[in-house]
Amino acid sequence: MARATPLTPLGVAALSLLVEEPMHPYEMYQLLMARHEDRLVKVRPGTLYHAVGRLEEHGLVDATGTDREGNRPERTTYTISAAGREALTQRLQDMLANPVNEYPSFPLAIAEAHNLQAGVVIELLDRRLQGLREQLDFLDSGEELVRKKGLDRKYWIDIQYQQTMLRSEIGWSRGLQDQLRTGELPW
């Protein structure tokens, strides 16, 4: 019987891949990187292997065999177990239904920005806006690509969510800059 374990974001990503088909952790890593999923979850080969090991310990995945290609190390292929499907379903339902404050650093920086001069804040927001625009451009090109491929929208709604969030932050940041420049927000 599987022991209960809270699924980390990387665990969710790994189980989601195994819903598609059995694979080994390095194959999972390559697929996550090819799909640019590293914009959603922090992933490194070592942490992914460790996450899959924890999933196996908790009965959420099953090893289906090992193979070796040439001089490469043996690779264990995993499949999602019935308990893994149930845990994935429950975790996704919880993540979708319940907002969680993940303590991003930007709101803290904004809350404490009064410790800097207004001109410095404006300049730093210019740099941030450049980075946000680059992220938005990347997502826009990704959306164009998946649309051209005819990929069902349900597989890339995260792109649209991220675009919306970026556009909102860009608009808010520009508004703050305008308020600082005009003196509407006394500093």
N, C-alpha and C. Protein backbone atom coordinates (compact mmCIF):
# COMPACT_ATOMS: atom_id res chain seq x y z
N MET A 1 0.84 -1.18 0.00
CA MET A 1 0.00 0.00 0.00
C MET A 1 0.88 1.24 0.00
N ALA A 2 0.54 2.21 -0.79
CA ALA A 2 1.32 3.44 -0.90
C ALA A 2 1.15 4.29 0.35
N ARG A 3 2.27 4.83 0.80
CA ARG A 3 2.21 5.78 1.91
C ARG A 3 1.92 7.15 1.34
N ALA A 4 1.16 7.94 2.07
CA ALA A 4 0.81 9.28 1.60
C ALA A 4 2.07 10.14 1.55
N THR A 5 2.17 10.91 0.50
CA THR A 5 3.29 11.84 0.37
C THR A 5 2.80 13.08 -0.34
N PRO A 6 3.19 14.24 0.14
CA PRO A 6 2.81 15.43 -0.62
C PRO A 6 3.62 15.47 -1.92
N LEU A 7 2.93 15.64 -3.01
CA LEU A 7 3.62 15.70 -4.30
C LEU A 7 4.22 17.08 -4.50
N THR A 8 5.50 17.12 -4.76
CA THR A 8 6.17 18.36 -5.09
C THR A 8 5.81 18.73 -6.53
N PRO A 9 6.05 19.97 -6.93
CA PRO A 9 5.81 20.31 -8.33
C PRO A 9 6.57 19.40 -9.30
N LEU A 10 7.80 19.04 -8.95
CA LEU A 10 8.56 18.14 -9.81
C LEU A 10 7.94 16.75 -9.85
N GLY A 11 7.41 16.30 -8.72
CA GLY A 11 6.72 15.02 -8.67
C GLY A 11 5.47 15.03 -9.54
N VAL A 12 4.75 16.13 -9.52
CA VAL A 12 3.56 16.27 -10.38
C VAL A 12 3.98 16.20 -11.85
N ALA A 13 5.05 16.92 -12.20
CA ALA A 13 5.53 16.91 -13.58
C ALA A 13 5.95 15.51 -14.01
N ALA A 14 6.65 14.80 -13.14
CA ALA A 14 7.11 13.44 -13.46
C ALA A 14 5.92 12.49 -13.65
N LEU A 15 4.97 12.53 -12.72
CA LEU A 15 3.80 11.66 -12.85
C LEU A 15 3.00 11.99 -14.11
N SER A 16 2.90 13.28 -14.42
CA SER A 16 2.17 13.69 -15.62
C SER A 16 2.82 13.12 -16.88
N LEU A 17 4.14 13.09 -16.91
CA LEU A 17 4.83 12.50 -18.06
C LEU A 17 4.56 11.00 -18.15
N LEU A 18 4.55 10.35 -17.00
CA LEU A 18 4.33 8.90 -16.99
C LEU A 18 2.90 8.53 -17.34
N VAL A 19 1.98 9.47 -17.25
CA VAL A 19 0.62 9.22 -17.74
C VAL A 19 0.68 9.03 -19.26
N GLU A 20 1.57 9.78 -19.91
CA GLU A 20 1.71 9.70 -21.37
C GLU A 20 2.26 8.34 -21.80
N GLU A 21 3.34 7.91 -21.14
CA GLU A 21 3.96 6.63 -21.47
C GLU A 21 5.07 6.33 -20.47
N PRO A 22 5.43 5.05 -20.32
CA PRO A 22 6.56 4.72 -19.45
C PRO A 22 7.85 5.34 -19.99
N MET A 23 8.71 5.78 -19.10
CA MET A 23 10.00 6.33 -19.52
C MET A 23 10.97 6.34 -18.35
N HIS A 24 12.23 6.57 -18.66
CA HIS A 24 13.25 6.65 -17.62
C HIS A 24 13.47 8.13 -17.28
N PRO A 25 14.03 8.41 -16.10
CA PRO A 25 14.17 9.80 -15.65
C PRO A 25 14.93 10.71 -16.62
N TYR A 26 15.96 10.21 -17.27
CA TYR A 26 16.68 11.09 -18.18
C TYR A 26 15.80 11.45 -19.38
N GLU A 27 15.01 10.52 -19.83
CA GLU A 27 14.06 10.79 -20.92
C GLU A 27 13.03 11.84 -20.45
N MET A 28 12.59 11.71 -19.19
CA MET A 28 11.67 12.71 -18.62
C MET A 28 12.32 14.09 -18.65
N TYR A 29 13.56 14.14 -18.21
CA TYR A 29 14.29 15.42 -18.17
C TYR A 29 14.37 16.03 -19.57
N GLN A 30 14.75 15.23 -20.54
CA GLN A 30 14.87 15.73 -21.91
C GLN A 30 13.54 16.26 -22.43
N LEU A 31 12.47 15.55 -22.13
CA LEU A 31 11.15 15.97 -22.59
C LEU A 31 10.70 17.25 -21.89
N LEU A 32 10.95 17.35 -20.59
CA LEU A 32 10.62 18.57 -19.86
C LEU A 32 11.37 19.77 -20.44
N MET A 33 12.63 19.58 -20.77
CA MET A 33 13.42 20.68 -21.32
C MET A 33 12.97 21.01 -22.74
N ALA A 34 12.67 20.01 -23.54
CA ALA A 34 12.21 20.24 -24.91
C ALA A 34 10.89 21.01 -24.92
N ARG A 35 10.07 20.75 -23.92
CA ARG A 35 8.77 21.43 -23.82
C ARG A 35 8.87 22.76 -23.06
N HIS A 36 10.07 23.11 -22.63
CA HIS A 36 10.32 24.33 -21.85
C HIS A 36 9.53 24.34 -20.54
N GLU A 37 9.34 23.17 -19.97
CA GLU A 37 8.61 23.08 -18.71
C GLU A 37 9.42 23.64 -17.54
N ASP A 38 10.70 23.91 -17.77
CA ASP A 38 11.51 24.51 -16.72
C ASP A 38 11.04 25.93 -16.39
N ARG A 39 10.13 26.49 -17.20
CA ARG A 39 9.54 27.78 -16.86
C ARG A 39 8.44 27.60 -15.83
N LEU A 40 8.01 26.35 -15.59
CA LEU A 40 6.95 26.06 -14.63
C LEU A 40 7.45 25.37 -13.37
N VAL A 41 8.51 24.60 -13.51
CA VAL A 41 9.02 23.83 -12.37
C VAL A 41 10.54 23.79 -12.45
N LYS A 42 11.17 23.91 -11.30
CA LYS A 42 12.63 23.84 -11.24
C LYS A 42 13.04 22.39 -11.45
N VAL A 43 13.82 22.15 -12.51
CA VAL A 43 14.18 20.78 -12.84
C VAL A 43 15.66 20.69 -13.21
N ARG A 44 16.31 19.69 -12.61
CA ARG A 44 17.69 19.32 -12.93
C ARG A 44 17.72 17.80 -12.98
N PRO A 45 18.63 17.24 -13.76
CA PRO A 45 18.63 15.77 -13.86
C PRO A 45 18.72 15.08 -12.49
N GLY A 46 19.61 15.55 -11.64
CA GLY A 46 19.79 14.90 -10.34
C GLY A 46 18.55 14.98 -9.47
N THR A 47 17.91 16.15 -9.45
CA THR A 47 16.70 16.29 -8.63
C THR A 47 15.55 15.47 -9.20
N LEU A 48 15.52 15.32 -10.51
CA LEU A 48 14.47 14.52 -11.13
C LEU A 48 14.65 13.04 -10.76
N TYR A 49 15.89 12.53 -10.83
CA TYR A 49 16.15 11.15 -10.44
C TYR A 49 15.74 10.93 -8.98
N HIS A 50 16.08 11.89 -8.13
CA HIS A 50 15.74 11.79 -6.71
C HIS A 50 14.22 11.81 -6.52
N ALA A 51 13.53 12.68 -7.26
CA ALA A 51 12.06 12.77 -7.16
C ALA A 51 11.42 11.46 -7.59
N VAL A 52 11.90 10.87 -8.67
CA VAL A 52 11.34 9.59 -9.15
C VAL A 52 11.61 8.50 -8.11
N GLY A 53 12.78 8.53 -7.50
CA GLY A 53 13.09 7.57 -6.43
C GLY A 53 12.11 7.68 -5.27
N ARG A 54 11.78 8.91 -4.88
CA ARG A 54 10.80 9.12 -3.80
C ARG A 54 9.41 8.63 -4.23
N LEU A 55 9.06 8.89 -5.49
CA LEU A 55 7.77 8.41 -5.99
C LEU A 55 7.70 6.89 -5.93
N GLU A 56 8.80 6.24 -6.27
CA GLU A 56 8.84 4.78 -6.21
C GLU A 56 8.73 4.29 -4.76
N GLU A 57 9.44 4.94 -3.84
CA GLU A 57 9.37 4.56 -2.43
C GLU A 57 7.95 4.63 -1.89
N HIS A 58 7.18 5.58 -2.41
CA HIS A 58 5.80 5.76 -1.95
C HIS A 58 4.79 5.00 -2.79
N GLY A 59 5.27 4.16 -3.70
CA GLY A 59 4.38 3.32 -4.48
C GLY A 59 3.60 4.06 -5.56
N LEU A 60 4.09 5.22 -5.96
CA LEU A 60 3.38 6.02 -6.97
C LEU A 60 3.86 5.72 -8.38
N VAL A 61 5.03 5.12 -8.49
CA VAL A 61 5.54 4.64 -9.79
C VAL A 61 6.10 3.25 -9.59
N ASP A 62 6.14 2.50 -10.67
CA ASP A 62 6.71 1.15 -10.64
C ASP A 62 7.81 1.06 -11.69
N ALA A 63 8.92 0.43 -11.31
CA ALA A 63 9.98 0.15 -12.28
C ALA A 63 9.50 -0.97 -13.19
N THR A 64 9.66 -0.76 -14.50
CA THR A 64 9.19 -1.78 -15.44
C THR A 64 10.35 -2.52 -16.08
N GLY A 65 11.57 -2.08 -15.83
CA GLY A 65 12.73 -2.76 -16.39
C GLY A 65 13.89 -1.80 -16.55
N THR A 66 15.02 -2.39 -16.88
CA THR A 66 16.22 -1.58 -17.12
C THR A 66 16.79 -1.95 -18.47
N ASP A 67 17.44 -0.98 -19.07
CA ASP A 67 18.12 -1.25 -20.34
C ASP A 67 19.43 -0.47 -20.35
N ARG A 68 20.25 -0.82 -21.30
CA ARG A 68 21.56 -0.16 -21.43
C ARG A 68 21.83 -0.01 -22.92
N GLU A 69 22.28 1.18 -23.29
CA GLU A 69 22.67 1.42 -24.68
C GLU A 69 24.18 1.65 -24.70
N GLY A 70 24.88 0.79 -25.36
CA GLY A 70 26.33 0.93 -25.48
C GLY A 70 27.00 0.98 -24.13
N ASN A 71 27.88 1.99 -23.97
CA ASN A 71 28.63 2.14 -22.72
C ASN A 71 27.90 2.99 -21.70
N ARG A 72 26.67 3.38 -22.00
CA ARG A 72 25.92 4.23 -21.08
C ARG A 72 25.49 3.44 -19.86
N PRO A 73 25.23 4.15 -18.75
CA PRO A 73 24.76 3.44 -17.55
C PRO A 73 23.37 2.85 -17.77
N GLU A 74 23.03 1.87 -16.96
CA GLU A 74 21.70 1.28 -17.03
C GLU A 74 20.67 2.34 -16.72
N ARG A 75 19.54 2.24 -17.41
CA ARG A 75 18.45 3.18 -17.18
C ARG A 75 17.20 2.38 -16.82
N THR A 76 16.61 2.78 -15.71
CA THR A 76 15.39 2.14 -15.26
C THR A 76 14.19 2.89 -15.84
N THR A 77 13.30 2.16 -16.44
CA THR A 77 12.07 2.74 -16.98
C THR A 77 10.97 2.58 -15.94
N TYR A 78 10.17 3.64 -15.80
CA TYR A 78 9.09 3.65 -14.80
C TYR A 78 7.75 3.85 -15.49
N THR A 79 6.72 3.38 -14.81
CA THR A 79 5.34 3.62 -15.21
C THR A 79 4.58 4.12 -13.99
N ILE A 80 3.53 4.86 -14.22
CA ILE A 80 2.74 5.36 -13.10
C ILE A 80 1.86 4.23 -12.58
N SER A 81 1.76 4.12 -11.28
CA SER A 81 0.92 3.10 -10.66
C SER A 81 -0.49 3.65 -10.48
N ALA A 82 -1.41 2.77 -10.10
CA ALA A 82 -2.78 3.21 -9.82
C ALA A 82 -2.77 4.23 -8.68
N ALA A 83 -1.94 3.99 -7.66
CA ALA A 83 -1.83 4.94 -6.55
C ALA A 83 -1.25 6.26 -7.03
N GLY A 84 -0.33 6.20 -8.01
CA GLY A 84 0.25 7.41 -8.56
C GLY A 84 -0.78 8.23 -9.32
N ARG A 85 -1.62 7.55 -10.09
CA ARG A 85 -2.70 8.26 -10.81
C ARG A 85 -3.65 8.94 -9.83
N GLU A 86 -3.98 8.22 -8.77
CA GLU A 86 -4.88 8.78 -7.75
C GLU A 86 -4.21 9.98 -7.06
N ALA A 87 -2.95 9.84 -6.69
CA ALA A 87 -2.24 10.93 -6.02
C ALA A 87 -2.11 12.15 -6.94
N LEU A 88 -1.83 11.90 -8.22
CA LEU A 88 -1.73 12.99 -9.19
C LEU A 88 -3.06 13.71 -9.32
N THR A 89 -4.13 12.96 -9.44
CA THR A 89 -5.47 13.55 -9.56
C THR A 89 -5.79 14.40 -8.34
N GLN A 90 -5.54 13.85 -7.16
CA GLN A 90 -5.84 14.58 -5.92
C GLN A 90 -5.00 15.85 -5.80
N ARG A 91 -3.72 15.74 -6.14
CA ARG A 91 -2.83 16.91 -6.02
C ARG A 91 -3.21 17.99 -7.01
N LEU A 92 -3.52 17.60 -8.25
CA LEU A 92 -3.94 18.60 -9.24
C LEU A 92 -5.23 19.27 -8.83
N GLN A 93 -6.17 18.51 -8.30
CA GLN A 93 -7.42 19.10 -7.84
C GLN A 93 -7.17 20.10 -6.73
N ASP A 94 -6.30 19.75 -5.80
CA ASP A 94 -5.96 20.65 -4.70
C ASP A 94 -5.25 21.91 -5.21
N MET A 95 -4.33 21.75 -6.14
CA MET A 95 -3.58 22.89 -6.67
C MET A 95 -4.49 23.85 -7.44
N LEU A 96 -5.45 23.28 -8.17
CA LEU A 96 -6.37 24.12 -8.94
C LEU A 96 -7.39 24.83 -8.05
N ALA A 97 -7.84 24.17 -6.99
CA ALA A 97 -8.93 24.71 -6.18
C ALA A 97 -8.48 25.65 -5.06
N ASN A 98 -7.28 25.45 -4.54
CA ASN A 98 -6.87 26.17 -3.34
C ASN A 98 -5.70 27.12 -3.59
N PRO A 99 -5.95 28.42 -3.50
CA PRO A 99 -4.84 29.36 -3.67
C PRO A 99 -3.83 29.22 -2.53
N VAL A 100 -2.57 29.32 -2.89
CA VAL A 100 -1.48 29.21 -1.92
C VAL A 100 -0.53 30.37 -2.15
N ASN A 101 -0.16 31.04 -1.07
CA ASN A 101 0.85 32.09 -1.20
C ASN A 101 2.21 31.43 -1.27
N GLU A 102 2.85 31.58 -2.41
CA GLU A 102 4.14 30.91 -2.62
C GLU A 102 5.33 31.80 -2.27
N TYR A 103 5.04 32.97 -1.73
CA TYR A 103 6.05 33.92 -1.26
C TYR A 103 7.07 34.29 -2.33
N PRO A 104 6.60 34.79 -3.46
CA PRO A 104 7.55 35.28 -4.47
C PRO A 104 8.26 36.53 -3.94
N SER A 105 9.44 36.79 -4.45
CA SER A 105 10.26 37.88 -3.93
C SER A 105 9.82 39.26 -4.41
N PHE A 106 9.18 39.37 -5.57
CA PHE A 106 8.82 40.68 -6.10
C PHE A 106 7.86 41.45 -5.18
N PRO A 107 6.79 40.82 -4.65
CA PRO A 107 5.93 41.58 -3.73
C PRO A 107 6.68 42.11 -2.51
N LEU A 108 7.63 41.36 -2.00
CA LEU A 108 8.44 41.84 -0.88
C LEU A 108 9.29 43.02 -1.31
N ALA A 109 9.88 42.94 -2.50
CA ALA A 109 10.69 44.04 -3.00
C ALA A 109 9.85 45.31 -3.16
N ILE A 110 8.63 45.16 -3.67
CA ILE A 110 7.74 46.31 -3.82
C ILE A 110 7.37 46.87 -2.45
N ALA A 111 7.08 45.99 -1.51
CA ALA A 111 6.70 46.44 -0.16
C ALA A 111 7.82 47.22 0.51
N GLU A 112 9.05 46.92 0.18
CA GLU A 112 10.20 47.58 0.81
C GLU A 112 10.90 48.58 -0.10
N ALA A 113 10.36 48.82 -1.29
CA ALA A 113 11.00 49.73 -2.26
C ALA A 113 11.11 51.15 -1.74
N HIS A 114 10.28 51.51 -0.76
CA HIS A 114 10.34 52.86 -0.18
C HIS A 114 11.69 53.16 0.45
N ASN A 115 12.50 52.13 0.66
CA ASN A 115 13.84 52.32 1.20
C ASN A 115 14.83 52.79 0.14
N LEU A 116 14.40 52.86 -1.10
CA LEU A 116 15.25 53.32 -2.21
C LEU A 116 14.71 54.65 -2.72
N GLN A 117 15.55 55.37 -3.42
CA GLN A 117 15.10 56.62 -4.04
C GLN A 117 14.18 56.30 -5.22
N ALA A 118 13.25 57.20 -5.49
CA ALA A 118 12.28 56.98 -6.56
C ALA A 118 12.97 56.74 -7.90
N GLY A 119 14.01 57.51 -8.20
CA GLY A 119 14.72 57.34 -9.46
C GLY A 119 15.34 55.96 -9.60
N VAL A 120 15.83 55.44 -8.50
CA VAL A 120 16.42 54.10 -8.51
C VAL A 120 15.33 53.07 -8.76
N VAL A 121 14.18 53.24 -8.12
CA VAL A 121 13.07 52.31 -8.31
C VAL A 121 12.63 52.31 -9.78
N ILE A 122 12.52 53.50 -10.36
CA ILE A 122 12.14 53.61 -11.77
C ILE A 122 13.14 52.88 -12.66
N GLU A 123 14.43 53.10 -12.41
CA GLU A 123 15.48 52.47 -13.20
C GLU A 123 15.45 50.94 -13.05
N LEU A 124 15.28 50.47 -11.83
CA LEU A 124 15.24 49.02 -11.60
C LEU A 124 14.01 48.40 -12.25
N LEU A 125 12.90 49.12 -12.22
CA LEU A 125 11.70 48.61 -12.89
C LEU A 125 11.89 48.58 -14.41
N ASP A 126 12.67 49.52 -14.95
CA ASP A 126 12.99 49.48 -16.38
C ASP A 126 13.71 48.17 -16.71
N ARG A 127 14.68 47.80 -15.88
CA ARG A 127 15.41 46.55 -16.11
C ARG A 127 14.48 45.34 -15.99
N ARG A 128 13.61 45.38 -14.98
CA ARG A 128 12.66 44.29 -14.80
C ARG A 128 11.72 44.19 -15.99
N LEU A 129 11.24 45.34 -16.45
CA LEU A 129 10.32 45.36 -17.59
C LEU A 129 10.96 44.77 -18.84
N GLN A 130 12.23 45.02 -19.01
CA GLN A 130 12.94 44.44 -20.16
C GLN A 130 12.92 42.91 -20.07
N GLY A 131 13.21 42.38 -18.89
CA GLY A 131 13.18 40.93 -18.70
C GLY A 131 11.78 40.35 -18.86
N LEU A 132 10.78 41.06 -18.34
CA LEU A 132 9.40 40.60 -18.48
C LEU A 132 8.98 40.58 -19.94
N ARG A 133 9.39 41.61 -20.68
CA ARG A 133 9.05 41.68 -22.11
C ARG A 133 9.69 40.52 -22.87
N GLU A 134 10.94 40.18 -22.51
CA GLU A 134 11.62 39.05 -23.15
C GLU A 134 10.87 37.74 -22.86
N GLN A 135 10.42 37.57 -21.61
CA GLN A 135 9.66 36.37 -21.26
C GLN A 135 8.35 36.32 -22.05
N LEU A 136 7.69 37.47 -22.17
CA LEU A 136 6.43 37.53 -22.90
C LEU A 136 6.64 37.24 -24.38
N ASP A 137 7.71 37.78 -24.95
CA ASP A 137 8.03 37.50 -26.35
C ASP A 137 8.27 36.01 -26.57
N PHE A 138 8.97 35.37 -25.63
CA PHE A 138 9.24 33.94 -25.72
C PHE A 138 7.92 33.15 -25.69
N LEU A 139 7.04 33.53 -24.78
CA LEU A 139 5.75 32.84 -24.68
C LEU A 139 4.89 33.10 -25.92
N ASP A 140 4.93 34.33 -26.43
CA ASP A 140 4.17 34.64 -27.64
C ASP A 140 4.65 33.78 -28.81
N SER A 141 5.96 33.63 -28.94
CA SER A 141 6.47 32.79 -30.04
C SER A 141 6.13 31.32 -29.80
N GLY A 142 6.12 30.90 -28.54
CA GLY A 142 5.71 29.53 -28.22
C GLY A 142 4.26 29.29 -28.56
N GLU A 143 3.41 30.27 -28.28
CA GLU A 143 1.99 30.14 -28.62
C GLU A 143 1.82 30.04 -30.13
N GLU A 144 2.53 30.87 -30.86
CA GLU A 144 2.45 30.82 -32.32
C GLU A 144 2.86 29.45 -32.83
N LEU A 145 3.91 28.88 -32.27
CA LEU A 145 4.40 27.58 -32.69
C LEU A 145 3.37 26.47 -32.43
N VAL A 146 2.81 26.45 -31.23
CA VAL A 146 1.85 25.38 -30.93
C VAL A 146 0.55 25.54 -31.72
N ARG A 147 0.20 26.78 -32.02
CA ARG A 147 -0.98 27.01 -32.87
C ARG A 147 -0.72 26.46 -34.28
N LYS A 148 0.47 26.75 -34.82
CA LYS A 148 0.81 26.25 -36.16
C LYS A 148 0.82 24.73 -36.20
N LYS A 149 1.26 24.11 -35.11
CA LYS A 149 1.30 22.65 -35.05
C LYS A 149 -0.09 22.05 -34.87
N GLY A 150 -1.05 22.89 -34.51
CA GLY A 150 -2.41 22.40 -34.32
C GLY A 150 -2.59 21.66 -33.00
N LEU A 151 -1.71 21.91 -32.04
CA LEU A 151 -1.79 21.25 -30.75
C LEU A 151 -3.04 21.73 -30.01
N ASP A 152 -3.80 20.80 -29.47
CA ASP A 152 -5.01 21.16 -28.73
C ASP A 152 -4.69 22.16 -27.64
N ARG A 153 -5.53 23.17 -27.52
CA ARG A 153 -5.31 24.26 -26.58
C ARG A 153 -5.19 23.77 -25.14
N LYS A 154 -5.88 22.68 -24.79
CA LYS A 154 -5.84 22.19 -23.42
C LYS A 154 -4.42 21.83 -22.98
N TYR A 155 -3.53 21.58 -23.94
CA TYR A 155 -2.15 21.23 -23.60
C TYR A 155 -1.25 22.44 -23.39
N TRP A 156 -1.74 23.64 -23.73
CA TRP A 156 -0.88 24.81 -23.57
C TRP A 156 -1.59 26.00 -22.96
N ILE A 157 -2.64 25.75 -22.19
CA ILE A 157 -3.32 26.87 -21.54
C ILE A 157 -2.42 27.55 -20.52
N ASP A 158 -1.40 26.85 -20.04
CA ASP A 158 -0.45 27.48 -19.11
C ASP A 158 0.27 28.64 -19.78
N ILE A 159 0.50 28.54 -21.08
CA ILE A 159 1.17 29.64 -21.80
C ILE A 159 0.29 30.88 -21.74
N GLN A 160 -1.00 30.72 -21.98
CA GLN A 160 -1.90 31.86 -21.95
C GLN A 160 -2.02 32.45 -20.55
N TYR A 161 -2.03 31.59 -19.54
CA TYR A 161 -2.05 32.07 -18.16
C TYR A 161 -0.81 32.92 -17.88
N GLN A 162 0.35 32.41 -18.25
CA GLN A 162 1.59 33.14 -17.99
C GLN A 162 1.64 34.45 -18.79
N GLN A 163 1.14 34.44 -20.01
CA GLN A 163 1.10 35.67 -20.80
C GLN A 163 0.23 36.71 -20.09
N THR A 164 -0.91 36.29 -19.60
CA THR A 164 -1.82 37.20 -18.91
C THR A 164 -1.16 37.77 -17.66
N MET A 165 -0.50 36.92 -16.89
CA MET A 165 0.17 37.38 -15.67
C MET A 165 1.30 38.35 -16.00
N LEU A 166 2.06 38.05 -17.04
CA LEU A 166 3.15 38.94 -17.43
C LEU A 166 2.61 40.29 -17.92
N ARG A 167 1.58 40.26 -18.73
CA ARG A 167 0.99 41.52 -19.21
C ARG A 167 0.48 42.36 -18.05
N SER A 168 -0.11 41.70 -17.08
CA SER A 168 -0.61 42.41 -15.90
C SER A 168 0.54 43.04 -15.12
N GLU A 169 1.60 42.29 -14.89
CA GLU A 169 2.74 42.83 -14.16
C GLU A 169 3.41 43.97 -14.93
N ILE A 170 3.50 43.82 -16.24
CA ILE A 170 4.08 44.89 -17.07
C ILE A 170 3.24 46.16 -16.94
N GLY A 171 1.93 46.02 -17.05
CA GLY A 171 1.05 47.18 -16.93
C GLY A 171 1.13 47.82 -15.56
N TRP A 172 1.14 47.01 -14.52
CA TRP A 172 1.22 47.54 -13.17
C TRP A 172 2.54 48.26 -12.94
N SER A 173 3.62 47.66 -13.38
CA SER A 173 4.95 48.25 -13.18
C SER A 173 5.08 49.57 -13.93
N ARG A 174 4.57 49.62 -15.16
CA ARG A 174 4.60 50.87 -15.93
C ARG A 174 3.77 51.94 -15.22
N GLY A 175 2.61 51.55 -14.69
CA GLY A 175 1.76 52.49 -13.95
C GLY A 175 2.48 53.04 -12.74
N LEU A 176 3.19 52.18 -12.00
CA LEU A 176 3.95 52.64 -10.84
C LEU A 176 5.04 53.61 -11.27
N GLN A 177 5.73 53.29 -12.34
CA GLN A 177 6.75 54.21 -12.84
C GLN A 177 6.14 55.57 -13.18
N ASP A 178 5.01 55.57 -13.85
CA ASP A 178 4.34 56.83 -14.21
C ASP A 178 3.97 57.63 -12.96
N GLN A 179 3.46 56.95 -11.95
CA GLN A 179 3.08 57.63 -10.71
C GLN A 179 4.30 58.22 -10.02
N LEU A 180 5.42 57.53 -10.08
CA LEU A 180 6.65 58.05 -9.47
C LEU A 180 7.19 59.24 -10.27
N ARG A 181 7.15 59.13 -11.58
CA ARG A 181 7.67 60.21 -12.45
C ARG A 181 6.85 61.49 -12.32
N THR A 182 5.54 61.34 -12.22
CA THR A 182 4.67 62.53 -12.17
C THR A 182 4.50 63.07 -10.75
N GLY A 183 4.91 62.32 -9.78
CA GLY A 183 4.73 62.74 -8.39
C GLY A 183 3.36 62.38 -7.84
N GLU A 184 2.53 61.70 -8.64
CA GLU A 184 1.22 61.25 -8.17
C GLU A 184 1.38 60.39 -6.93
N LEU A 185 2.47 59.62 -6.88
CA LEU A 185 2.80 58.84 -5.69
C LEU A 185 4.00 59.52 -5.02
N PRO A 186 3.73 60.30 -3.98
CA PRO A 186 4.85 60.99 -3.31
C PRO A 186 5.83 59.97 -2.72
N TRP A 187 7.09 60.21 -2.90
CA TRP A 187 8.13 59.29 -2.44
C TRP A 187 8.95 60.02 -1.45
